[in-house]
Amino acid sequence: MAGVDLPFACTCNTLLGTLLGVSGSNGTRAACFCTDCRAAEVYAGQPDPAPGPVHLYQTTPDKVRFDAGLDQLVVFSFSPKGLLRWQAKCCGAILFNTVRSPKVPFASLRTDRLTDTSALGPVVAQAFVRKPDGTQGHQGGSRFVLGMLTRVLPCLLSGRWKRTPFFDVATGAPIREVHIVPKADRAALPLP
């Protein structure tokens, strides 16, 4: 299935873009309950989504196009090796998560940045779900892993990994300097 193009925007509509060729078969819709996703929201000045999850659509960076306001795109991480969390500095809205290398073609979009999520298909994976005994587990993990592999490998083999709006492919560096959140600032976030 070729999919449809879906516009996305930050909260104040300054940073605009398009998610290209979206369908339930070429991306994975997931819900993440992890404390890092919650902490990223709070650190960015957004509401804590708890007790609900952060909703994501996981795809490859070649499916992402920024159309306006790219000068507003900034990035932070909670550690020197952690996920990159791309946000709009104008309003603080978190838009994407990526890994730290363009050679791992992975991007997850916050689905609340889309006006219409029907083309994404249903949520098929849930991460860090709290169990009645207090531990955490994953649901649909095999679909998540299989989905990633079936997108990442063809993207690598075809060279599509080089079509990324997040990295300078020649150097492998992110297009913005990564702000590493100090551990004390991360620890001070008001998360129960």
N, C-alpha and C. Protein backbone atom coordinates (compact mmCIF):
# COMPACT_ATOMS: atom_id res chain seq x y z
N MET A 1 0.84 -1.18 0.00
CA MET A 1 0.00 0.00 0.00
C MET A 1 0.89 1.24 0.00
N ALA A 2 0.63 2.17 -0.90
CA ALA A 2 1.45 3.38 -1.04
C ALA A 2 1.25 4.32 0.13
N GLY A 3 0.06 4.41 0.66
CA GLY A 3 -0.19 5.29 1.79
C GLY A 3 -0.58 6.69 1.37
N VAL A 4 -0.82 7.52 2.36
CA VAL A 4 -1.25 8.90 2.14
C VAL A 4 -0.27 9.84 2.83
N ASP A 5 -0.22 11.07 2.37
CA ASP A 5 0.60 12.09 2.99
C ASP A 5 -0.22 12.80 4.06
N LEU A 6 0.35 12.92 5.26
CA LEU A 6 -0.36 13.56 6.37
C LEU A 6 0.44 14.74 6.89
N PRO A 7 -0.20 15.91 6.99
CA PRO A 7 0.50 17.06 7.56
C PRO A 7 0.65 16.92 9.07
N PHE A 8 1.77 17.45 9.59
CA PHE A 8 1.95 17.53 11.04
C PHE A 8 2.39 18.95 11.38
N ALA A 9 2.21 19.32 12.65
CA ALA A 9 2.55 20.68 13.07
C ALA A 9 2.85 20.70 14.56
N CYS A 10 3.66 21.67 14.95
CA CYS A 10 3.85 21.92 16.37
C CYS A 10 2.58 22.57 16.90
N THR A 11 2.51 22.79 18.19
CA THR A 11 1.30 23.32 18.81
C THR A 11 0.90 24.69 18.26
N CYS A 12 1.89 25.55 18.01
CA CYS A 12 1.57 26.91 17.55
C CYS A 12 1.58 27.04 16.02
N ASN A 13 1.73 25.91 15.32
CA ASN A 13 1.71 25.87 13.84
C ASN A 13 2.83 26.67 13.18
N THR A 14 3.95 26.84 13.86
CA THR A 14 5.11 27.50 13.26
C THR A 14 5.96 26.49 12.50
N LEU A 15 6.18 25.32 13.10
CA LEU A 15 6.96 24.26 12.46
C LEU A 15 5.97 23.29 11.83
N LEU A 16 6.00 23.21 10.51
CA LEU A 16 5.05 22.39 9.76
C LEU A 16 5.80 21.36 8.93
N GLY A 17 5.16 20.23 8.69
CA GLY A 17 5.77 19.21 7.86
C GLY A 17 4.75 18.23 7.35
N THR A 18 5.26 17.23 6.65
CA THR A 18 4.41 16.20 6.08
C THR A 18 5.04 14.84 6.34
N LEU A 19 4.22 13.93 6.79
CA LEU A 19 4.60 12.53 6.91
C LEU A 19 4.16 11.87 5.61
N LEU A 20 5.10 11.33 4.87
CA LEU A 20 4.88 10.87 3.50
C LEU A 20 4.51 9.39 3.43
N GLY A 21 3.53 9.07 2.61
CA GLY A 21 3.18 7.68 2.33
C GLY A 21 2.81 6.86 3.54
N VAL A 22 1.96 7.40 4.38
CA VAL A 22 1.61 6.76 5.64
C VAL A 22 0.54 5.70 5.45
N SER A 23 0.75 4.56 6.08
CA SER A 23 -0.28 3.53 6.16
C SER A 23 0.02 2.65 7.36
N GLY A 24 -0.95 1.88 7.74
CA GLY A 24 -0.75 0.96 8.86
C GLY A 24 0.25 -0.14 8.54
N SER A 25 0.55 -0.35 7.25
CA SER A 25 1.47 -1.42 6.88
C SER A 25 2.91 -0.95 6.71
N ASN A 26 3.16 0.37 6.68
CA ASN A 26 4.55 0.81 6.53
C ASN A 26 5.02 1.63 7.72
N GLY A 27 4.36 1.44 8.83
CA GLY A 27 4.75 2.06 10.08
C GLY A 27 4.10 1.31 11.22
N THR A 28 4.57 1.54 12.42
CA THR A 28 4.02 0.87 13.59
C THR A 28 3.47 1.91 14.54
N ARG A 29 2.22 1.76 14.86
CA ARG A 29 1.61 2.65 15.83
C ARG A 29 1.80 2.04 17.21
N ALA A 30 2.38 2.82 18.12
CA ALA A 30 2.72 2.30 19.44
C ALA A 30 2.31 3.29 20.53
N ALA A 31 2.19 2.75 21.72
CA ALA A 31 1.90 3.56 22.91
C ALA A 31 2.99 3.28 23.92
N CYS A 32 3.66 4.34 24.38
CA CYS A 32 4.77 4.15 25.32
C CYS A 32 4.45 4.77 26.67
N PHE A 33 4.61 3.96 27.72
CA PHE A 33 4.34 4.39 29.08
C PHE A 33 5.64 4.65 29.86
N CYS A 34 6.79 4.68 29.19
CA CYS A 34 8.06 4.78 29.91
C CYS A 34 8.23 6.15 30.57
N THR A 35 9.03 6.18 31.62
CA THR A 35 9.24 7.44 32.34
C THR A 35 10.05 8.43 31.51
N ASP A 36 10.91 7.96 30.61
CA ASP A 36 11.69 8.90 29.78
C ASP A 36 10.79 9.66 28.81
N CYS A 37 9.82 9.00 28.21
CA CYS A 37 8.89 9.71 27.32
C CYS A 37 8.07 10.73 28.12
N ARG A 38 7.64 10.33 29.31
CA ARG A 38 6.92 11.28 30.17
C ARG A 38 7.82 12.43 30.58
N ALA A 39 9.05 12.10 30.97
CA ALA A 39 10.00 13.13 31.40
C ALA A 39 10.30 14.11 30.26
N ALA A 40 10.39 13.60 29.05
CA ALA A 40 10.65 14.48 27.89
C ALA A 40 9.53 15.49 27.73
N GLU A 41 8.30 15.05 27.89
CA GLU A 41 7.15 15.95 27.78
C GLU A 41 7.21 17.03 28.86
N VAL A 42 7.45 16.62 30.08
CA VAL A 42 7.48 17.57 31.19
C VAL A 42 8.66 18.53 31.03
N TYR A 43 9.82 18.01 30.66
CA TYR A 43 10.99 18.86 30.45
C TYR A 43 10.73 19.90 29.36
N ALA A 44 9.97 19.53 28.34
CA ALA A 44 9.67 20.43 27.23
C ALA A 44 8.54 21.41 27.55
N GLY A 45 8.01 21.34 28.78
CA GLY A 45 6.95 22.25 29.17
C GLY A 45 5.57 21.80 28.75
N GLN A 46 5.45 20.54 28.41
CA GLN A 46 4.18 19.97 28.00
C GLN A 46 3.54 19.24 29.18
N PRO A 47 2.26 18.93 29.11
CA PRO A 47 1.61 18.20 30.22
C PRO A 47 2.13 16.76 30.32
N ASP A 48 2.19 16.27 31.53
CA ASP A 48 2.55 14.87 31.76
C ASP A 48 1.38 14.02 31.25
N PRO A 49 1.64 13.06 30.34
CA PRO A 49 0.55 12.26 29.79
C PRO A 49 0.01 11.19 30.75
N ALA A 50 0.69 10.96 31.86
CA ALA A 50 0.27 9.91 32.79
C ALA A 50 -1.13 10.19 33.31
N PRO A 51 -1.94 9.17 33.51
CA PRO A 51 -1.60 7.76 33.48
C PRO A 51 -1.60 7.16 32.07
N GLY A 52 -1.93 7.97 31.07
CA GLY A 52 -1.94 7.47 29.70
C GLY A 52 -0.54 7.43 29.11
N PRO A 53 -0.44 6.89 27.90
CA PRO A 53 0.85 6.78 27.23
C PRO A 53 1.15 7.97 26.32
N VAL A 54 2.35 7.99 25.80
CA VAL A 54 2.72 8.86 24.69
C VAL A 54 2.46 8.02 23.44
N HIS A 55 1.67 8.55 22.51
CA HIS A 55 1.32 7.81 21.29
C HIS A 55 2.29 8.17 20.18
N LEU A 56 2.81 7.13 19.52
CA LEU A 56 3.85 7.29 18.51
C LEU A 56 3.51 6.53 17.23
N TYR A 57 4.02 7.04 16.12
CA TYR A 57 3.98 6.31 14.86
C TYR A 57 5.43 6.15 14.43
N GLN A 58 5.90 4.91 14.37
CA GLN A 58 7.29 4.63 14.10
C GLN A 58 7.48 4.29 12.62
N THR A 59 8.41 5.01 12.00
CA THR A 59 8.65 4.88 10.58
C THR A 59 10.12 5.16 10.29
N THR A 60 10.44 5.50 9.06
CA THR A 60 11.82 5.81 8.69
C THR A 60 11.93 7.31 8.37
N PRO A 61 13.10 7.91 8.57
CA PRO A 61 13.26 9.35 8.36
C PRO A 61 12.99 9.82 6.93
N ASP A 62 13.13 8.96 5.94
CA ASP A 62 12.85 9.38 4.56
C ASP A 62 11.37 9.65 4.33
N LYS A 63 10.54 9.31 5.31
CA LYS A 63 9.11 9.58 5.23
C LYS A 63 8.74 10.92 5.87
N VAL A 64 9.76 11.67 6.34
CA VAL A 64 9.53 12.93 7.03
C VAL A 64 10.03 14.09 6.17
N ARG A 65 9.16 15.08 5.99
CA ARG A 65 9.56 16.30 5.27
C ARG A 65 9.12 17.50 6.10
N PHE A 66 10.05 18.42 6.32
CA PHE A 66 9.70 19.68 6.99
C PHE A 66 9.37 20.70 5.91
N ASP A 67 8.23 21.37 6.05
CA ASP A 67 7.75 22.31 5.04
C ASP A 67 7.93 23.77 5.42
N ALA A 68 7.93 24.08 6.70
CA ALA A 68 8.06 25.47 7.16
C ALA A 68 8.54 25.46 8.61
N GLY A 69 9.27 26.50 8.99
CA GLY A 69 9.69 26.67 10.37
C GLY A 69 10.84 25.78 10.81
N LEU A 70 11.62 25.26 9.87
CA LEU A 70 12.73 24.37 10.23
C LEU A 70 13.72 25.04 11.18
N ASP A 71 13.80 26.38 11.12
CA ASP A 71 14.70 27.09 12.03
C ASP A 71 14.27 26.93 13.49
N GLN A 72 13.05 26.47 13.73
CA GLN A 72 12.54 26.27 15.09
C GLN A 72 12.85 24.87 15.64
N LEU A 73 13.40 24.00 14.81
CA LEU A 73 13.68 22.62 15.25
C LEU A 73 14.93 22.59 16.12
N VAL A 74 14.80 22.04 17.32
CA VAL A 74 15.92 21.84 18.24
C VAL A 74 15.86 20.40 18.75
N VAL A 75 16.91 19.99 19.43
CA VAL A 75 16.98 18.60 19.88
C VAL A 75 17.65 18.51 21.25
N PHE A 76 17.14 17.60 22.07
CA PHE A 76 17.77 17.33 23.37
C PHE A 76 17.79 15.84 23.62
N SER A 77 18.57 15.46 24.62
CA SER A 77 18.66 14.06 25.02
C SER A 77 18.93 14.03 26.52
N PHE A 78 18.52 12.94 27.16
CA PHE A 78 18.76 12.80 28.59
C PHE A 78 20.12 12.20 28.91
N SER A 79 20.86 11.77 27.88
CA SER A 79 22.20 11.24 28.11
C SER A 79 22.99 11.33 26.81
N PRO A 80 24.31 11.24 26.89
CA PRO A 80 25.14 11.35 25.68
C PRO A 80 24.89 10.24 24.66
N LYS A 81 24.25 9.15 25.07
CA LYS A 81 23.97 8.06 24.14
C LYS A 81 22.49 7.78 23.98
N GLY A 82 21.65 8.57 24.62
CA GLY A 82 20.21 8.33 24.62
C GLY A 82 19.52 8.78 23.34
N LEU A 83 18.22 8.50 23.29
CA LEU A 83 17.40 8.93 22.16
C LEU A 83 17.49 10.43 21.97
N LEU A 84 17.39 10.86 20.73
CA LEU A 84 17.29 12.28 20.41
C LEU A 84 15.82 12.64 20.38
N ARG A 85 15.47 13.71 21.06
CA ARG A 85 14.08 14.16 21.13
C ARG A 85 14.00 15.52 20.46
N TRP A 86 13.38 15.53 19.29
CA TRP A 86 13.31 16.72 18.45
C TRP A 86 12.05 17.50 18.79
N GLN A 87 12.20 18.80 19.03
CA GLN A 87 11.07 19.61 19.43
C GLN A 87 11.09 20.96 18.72
N ALA A 88 9.98 21.65 18.79
CA ALA A 88 9.85 23.01 18.27
C ALA A 88 10.18 23.97 19.40
N LYS A 89 11.21 24.80 19.21
CA LYS A 89 11.57 25.72 20.30
C LYS A 89 10.53 26.83 20.47
N CYS A 90 9.73 27.09 19.44
CA CYS A 90 8.71 28.15 19.53
C CYS A 90 7.66 27.85 20.60
N CYS A 91 7.22 26.61 20.71
CA CYS A 91 6.16 26.28 21.65
C CYS A 91 6.50 25.09 22.56
N GLY A 92 7.65 24.48 22.33
CA GLY A 92 8.08 23.35 23.16
C GLY A 92 7.56 22.00 22.72
N ALA A 93 6.70 21.96 21.72
CA ALA A 93 6.10 20.69 21.30
C ALA A 93 7.15 19.68 20.86
N ILE A 94 7.07 18.49 21.42
CA ILE A 94 7.94 17.41 20.96
C ILE A 94 7.30 16.80 19.72
N LEU A 95 8.13 16.61 18.69
CA LEU A 95 7.63 16.09 17.43
C LEU A 95 8.12 14.67 17.16
N PHE A 96 9.42 14.45 17.25
CA PHE A 96 10.02 13.18 16.86
C PHE A 96 11.04 12.69 17.87
N ASN A 97 11.25 11.38 17.85
CA ASN A 97 12.38 10.73 18.50
C ASN A 97 13.17 10.04 17.40
N THR A 98 14.49 10.11 17.49
CA THR A 98 15.35 9.34 16.59
C THR A 98 16.48 8.75 17.42
N VAL A 99 17.19 7.80 16.82
CA VAL A 99 18.43 7.34 17.43
C VAL A 99 19.52 8.32 17.02
N ARG A 100 20.75 8.07 17.40
CA ARG A 100 21.82 9.05 17.21
C ARG A 100 22.59 8.91 15.91
N SER A 101 22.23 7.99 15.06
CA SER A 101 22.96 7.80 13.81
C SER A 101 22.00 7.73 12.64
N PRO A 102 22.33 8.39 11.53
CA PRO A 102 21.47 8.26 10.35
C PRO A 102 21.49 6.85 9.77
N LYS A 103 22.49 6.06 10.14
CA LYS A 103 22.59 4.70 9.61
C LYS A 103 21.64 3.72 10.31
N VAL A 104 20.93 4.21 11.29
CA VAL A 104 19.83 3.44 11.88
C VAL A 104 18.58 4.27 11.56
N PRO A 105 17.97 4.02 10.40
CA PRO A 105 16.87 4.86 9.93
C PRO A 105 15.57 4.61 10.68
N PHE A 106 15.44 5.32 11.78
CA PHE A 106 14.29 5.18 12.66
C PHE A 106 13.84 6.56 13.09
N ALA A 107 12.55 6.82 12.98
CA ALA A 107 11.95 8.06 13.48
C ALA A 107 10.57 7.74 13.99
N SER A 108 10.26 8.27 15.16
CA SER A 108 8.90 8.09 15.68
C SER A 108 8.28 9.47 15.89
N LEU A 109 7.12 9.66 15.31
CA LEU A 109 6.38 10.91 15.39
C LEU A 109 5.34 10.82 16.50
N ARG A 110 5.22 11.87 17.29
CA ARG A 110 4.13 11.98 18.25
C ARG A 110 2.83 12.12 17.46
N THR A 111 1.92 11.19 17.60
CA THR A 111 0.72 11.21 16.76
C THR A 111 -0.23 12.36 17.08
N ASP A 112 -0.08 12.98 18.24
CA ASP A 112 -0.94 14.13 18.52
C ASP A 112 -0.53 15.36 17.71
N ARG A 113 0.53 15.26 16.95
CA ARG A 113 0.95 16.34 16.05
C ARG A 113 0.24 16.25 14.69
N LEU A 114 -0.54 15.20 14.50
CA LEU A 114 -1.32 15.01 13.28
C LEU A 114 -2.77 15.40 13.54
N THR A 115 -3.43 15.94 12.53
CA THR A 115 -4.85 16.26 12.70
C THR A 115 -5.73 15.04 12.45
N ASP A 116 -5.22 14.09 11.67
CA ASP A 116 -5.98 12.88 11.36
C ASP A 116 -5.06 11.68 11.52
N THR A 117 -5.43 10.76 12.38
CA THR A 117 -4.59 9.58 12.62
C THR A 117 -5.19 8.30 12.04
N SER A 118 -6.30 8.41 11.32
CA SER A 118 -6.99 7.21 10.84
C SER A 118 -6.13 6.37 9.89
N ALA A 119 -5.26 6.99 9.11
CA ALA A 119 -4.43 6.24 8.16
C ALA A 119 -3.32 5.45 8.85
N LEU A 120 -3.07 5.72 10.12
CA LEU A 120 -1.98 5.05 10.83
C LEU A 120 -2.31 3.61 11.23
N GLY A 121 -3.59 3.28 11.22
CA GLY A 121 -3.98 1.97 11.69
C GLY A 121 -4.05 1.96 13.21
N PRO A 122 -4.35 0.81 13.79
CA PRO A 122 -4.51 0.72 15.25
C PRO A 122 -3.17 0.65 15.97
N VAL A 123 -3.19 0.92 17.27
CA VAL A 123 -2.01 0.72 18.11
C VAL A 123 -1.77 -0.79 18.17
N VAL A 124 -0.55 -1.21 17.80
CA VAL A 124 -0.24 -2.65 17.77
C VAL A 124 0.81 -3.05 18.80
N ALA A 125 1.43 -2.05 19.45
CA ALA A 125 2.44 -2.35 20.45
C ALA A 125 2.32 -1.35 21.60
N GLN A 126 2.54 -1.85 22.80
CA GLN A 126 2.55 -1.00 23.99
C GLN A 126 3.82 -1.32 24.77
N ALA A 127 4.54 -0.28 25.14
CA ALA A 127 5.81 -0.46 25.84
C ALA A 127 5.73 0.04 27.27
N PHE A 128 6.41 -0.67 28.15
CA PHE A 128 6.52 -0.30 29.56
C PHE A 128 5.16 -0.17 30.25
N VAL A 129 4.29 -1.12 29.94
CA VAL A 129 2.97 -1.16 30.55
C VAL A 129 3.12 -1.68 31.98
N ARG A 130 2.55 -0.95 32.93
CA ARG A 130 2.65 -1.37 34.33
C ARG A 130 1.69 -2.52 34.58
N LYS A 131 2.23 -3.57 35.18
CA LYS A 131 1.45 -4.76 35.52
C LYS A 131 0.91 -4.64 36.94
N PRO A 132 -0.09 -5.45 37.30
CA PRO A 132 -0.67 -5.37 38.65
C PRO A 132 0.37 -5.58 39.76
N ASP A 133 1.44 -6.34 39.49
CA ASP A 133 2.45 -6.57 40.53
C ASP A 133 3.48 -5.45 40.62
N GLY A 134 3.31 -4.37 39.82
CA GLY A 134 4.22 -3.23 39.87
C GLY A 134 5.36 -3.28 38.86
N THR A 135 5.57 -4.44 38.24
CA THR A 135 6.61 -4.53 37.21
C THR A 135 6.08 -3.96 35.90
N GLN A 136 6.98 -3.84 34.94
CA GLN A 136 6.58 -3.34 33.62
C GLN A 136 6.85 -4.40 32.57
N GLY A 137 6.05 -4.37 31.51
CA GLY A 137 6.23 -5.31 30.42
C GLY A 137 5.78 -4.68 29.12
N HIS A 138 5.92 -5.43 28.07
CA HIS A 138 5.57 -4.96 26.73
C HIS A 138 4.49 -5.86 26.14
N GLN A 139 3.63 -5.25 25.35
CA GLN A 139 2.60 -6.00 24.64
C GLN A 139 2.78 -5.72 23.15
N GLY A 140 2.77 -6.77 22.34
CA GLY A 140 2.97 -6.60 20.90
C GLY A 140 4.42 -6.36 20.53
N GLY A 141 5.33 -6.77 21.39
CA GLY A 141 6.76 -6.55 21.14
C GLY A 141 7.26 -7.17 19.85
N SER A 142 6.75 -8.36 19.52
CA SER A 142 7.22 -9.02 18.29
C SER A 142 6.78 -8.23 17.05
N ARG A 143 5.59 -7.66 17.08
CA ARG A 143 5.13 -6.84 15.95
C ARG A 143 5.98 -5.58 15.82
N PHE A 144 6.37 -5.02 16.97
CA PHE A 144 7.21 -3.84 16.96
C PHE A 144 8.58 -4.16 16.33
N VAL A 145 9.21 -5.23 16.79
CA VAL A 145 10.54 -5.60 16.29
C VAL A 145 10.47 -5.98 14.81
N LEU A 146 9.49 -6.79 14.44
CA LEU A 146 9.35 -7.19 13.04
C LEU A 146 9.09 -5.97 12.16
N GLY A 147 8.24 -5.07 12.63
CA GLY A 147 7.96 -3.85 11.87
C GLY A 147 9.21 -3.02 11.66
N MET A 148 10.01 -2.89 12.72
CA MET A 148 11.26 -2.12 12.59
C MET A 148 12.19 -2.77 11.58
N LEU A 149 12.37 -4.07 11.69
CA LEU A 149 13.28 -4.76 10.78
C LEU A 149 12.83 -4.66 9.33
N THR A 150 11.53 -4.78 9.10
CA THR A 150 11.05 -4.74 7.71
C THR A 150 11.09 -3.34 7.12
N ARG A 151 11.28 -2.33 7.95
CA ARG A 151 11.45 -0.96 7.44
C ARG A 151 12.92 -0.56 7.38
N VAL A 152 13.66 -0.85 8.45
CA VAL A 152 15.04 -0.40 8.55
C VAL A 152 15.95 -1.09 7.53
N LEU A 153 15.84 -2.40 7.41
CA LEU A 153 16.73 -3.12 6.48
C LEU A 153 16.57 -2.67 5.03
N PRO A 154 15.36 -2.61 4.48
CA PRO A 154 15.24 -2.11 3.10
C PRO A 154 15.72 -0.67 2.94
N CYS A 155 15.52 0.14 3.97
CA CYS A 155 15.97 1.53 3.92
C CYS A 155 17.50 1.59 3.86
N LEU A 156 18.15 0.73 4.62
CA LEU A 156 19.61 0.66 4.58
C LEU A 156 20.11 0.14 3.24
N LEU A 157 19.54 -0.96 2.78
CA LEU A 157 20.01 -1.59 1.54
C LEU A 157 19.78 -0.73 0.31
N SER A 158 18.70 0.03 0.31
CA SER A 158 18.37 0.86 -0.85
C SER A 158 19.10 2.20 -0.85
N GLY A 159 19.68 2.58 0.28
CA GLY A 159 20.31 3.89 0.39
C GLY A 159 19.35 4.99 0.80
N ARG A 160 18.08 4.63 1.04
CA ARG A 160 17.10 5.65 1.47
C ARG A 160 17.45 6.25 2.82
N TRP A 161 18.30 5.59 3.60
CA TRP A 161 18.69 6.11 4.91
C TRP A 161 19.36 7.47 4.77
N LYS A 162 19.89 7.76 3.59
CA LYS A 162 20.57 9.05 3.36
C LYS A 162 19.58 10.20 3.20
N ARG A 163 18.31 9.88 3.02
CA ARG A 163 17.28 10.93 2.89
C ARG A 163 16.68 11.19 4.26
N THR A 164 17.42 11.90 5.06
CA THR A 164 16.97 12.20 6.42
C THR A 164 17.00 13.70 6.65
N PRO A 165 15.93 14.25 7.22
CA PRO A 165 15.96 15.67 7.55
C PRO A 165 16.63 15.96 8.90
N PHE A 166 17.05 14.92 9.61
CA PHE A 166 17.57 15.08 10.96
C PHE A 166 19.10 15.10 11.05
N PHE A 167 19.78 14.59 10.03
CA PHE A 167 21.23 14.44 10.10
C PHE A 167 21.92 14.96 8.85
N ASP A 168 23.17 15.38 9.03
CA ASP A 168 24.06 15.65 7.91
C ASP A 168 24.68 14.29 7.58
N VAL A 169 24.31 13.72 6.46
CA VAL A 169 24.73 12.37 6.12
C VAL A 169 26.25 12.27 5.94
N ALA A 170 26.87 13.33 5.44
CA ALA A 170 28.32 13.31 5.21
C ALA A 170 29.10 13.15 6.51
N THR A 171 28.62 13.80 7.57
CA THR A 171 29.34 13.73 8.85
C THR A 171 28.69 12.77 9.84
N GLY A 172 27.42 12.45 9.63
CA GLY A 172 26.68 11.62 10.57
C GLY A 172 26.17 12.39 11.77
N ALA A 173 26.39 13.71 11.80
CA ALA A 173 25.99 14.52 12.93
C ALA A 173 24.56 15.01 12.77
N PRO A 174 23.85 15.19 13.89
CA PRO A 174 22.52 15.80 13.81
C PRO A 174 22.62 17.21 13.23
N ILE A 175 21.55 17.68 12.59
CA ILE A 175 21.58 19.01 11.98
C ILE A 175 21.55 20.12 13.02
N ARG A 176 21.25 19.80 14.24
CA ARG A 176 21.27 20.75 15.35
C ARG A 176 22.17 20.21 16.45
N GLU A 177 22.77 21.12 17.20
CA GLU A 177 23.57 20.70 18.35
C GLU A 177 22.65 20.08 19.39
N VAL A 178 23.03 18.94 19.90
CA VAL A 178 22.20 18.22 20.88
C VAL A 178 22.44 18.79 22.27
N HIS A 179 21.38 19.25 22.90
CA HIS A 179 21.46 19.69 24.29
C HIS A 179 21.32 18.46 25.18
N ILE A 180 22.33 18.18 25.98
CA ILE A 180 22.27 17.08 26.93
C ILE A 180 21.71 17.64 28.24
N VAL A 181 20.57 17.15 28.64
CA VAL A 181 19.93 17.62 29.87
C VAL A 181 20.76 17.16 31.06
N PRO A 182 21.18 18.08 31.91
CA PRO A 182 21.95 17.67 33.09
C PRO A 182 21.16 16.68 33.95
N LYS A 183 21.87 15.73 34.53
CA LYS A 183 21.22 14.69 35.36
C LYS A 183 20.40 15.31 36.48
N ALA A 184 20.90 16.38 37.06
CA ALA A 184 20.17 17.02 38.17
C ALA A 184 18.85 17.61 37.67
N ASP A 185 18.85 18.17 36.47
CA ASP A 185 17.60 18.71 35.91
C ASP A 185 16.60 17.60 35.61
N ARG A 186 17.11 16.48 35.10
CA ARG A 186 16.25 15.32 34.81
C ARG A 186 15.66 14.78 36.11
N ALA A 187 16.50 14.68 37.14
CA ALA A 187 16.05 14.14 38.43
C ALA A 187 15.04 15.07 39.11
N ALA A 188 15.12 16.36 38.82
CA ALA A 188 14.24 17.33 39.48
C ALA A 188 12.85 17.43 38.84
N LEU A 189 12.65 16.75 37.73
CA LEU A 189 11.34 16.83 37.06
C LEU A 189 10.26 16.23 37.96
N PRO A 190 9.11 16.88 38.06
CA PRO A 190 8.06 16.43 38.98
C PRO A 190 7.27 15.24 38.43
N LEU A 191 7.90 14.08 38.50
CA LEU A 191 7.23 12.85 38.05
C LEU A 191 7.02 11.94 39.24
N PRO A 192 5.77 11.48 39.43
CA PRO A 192 5.52 10.57 40.57
C PRO A 192 6.17 9.22 40.36
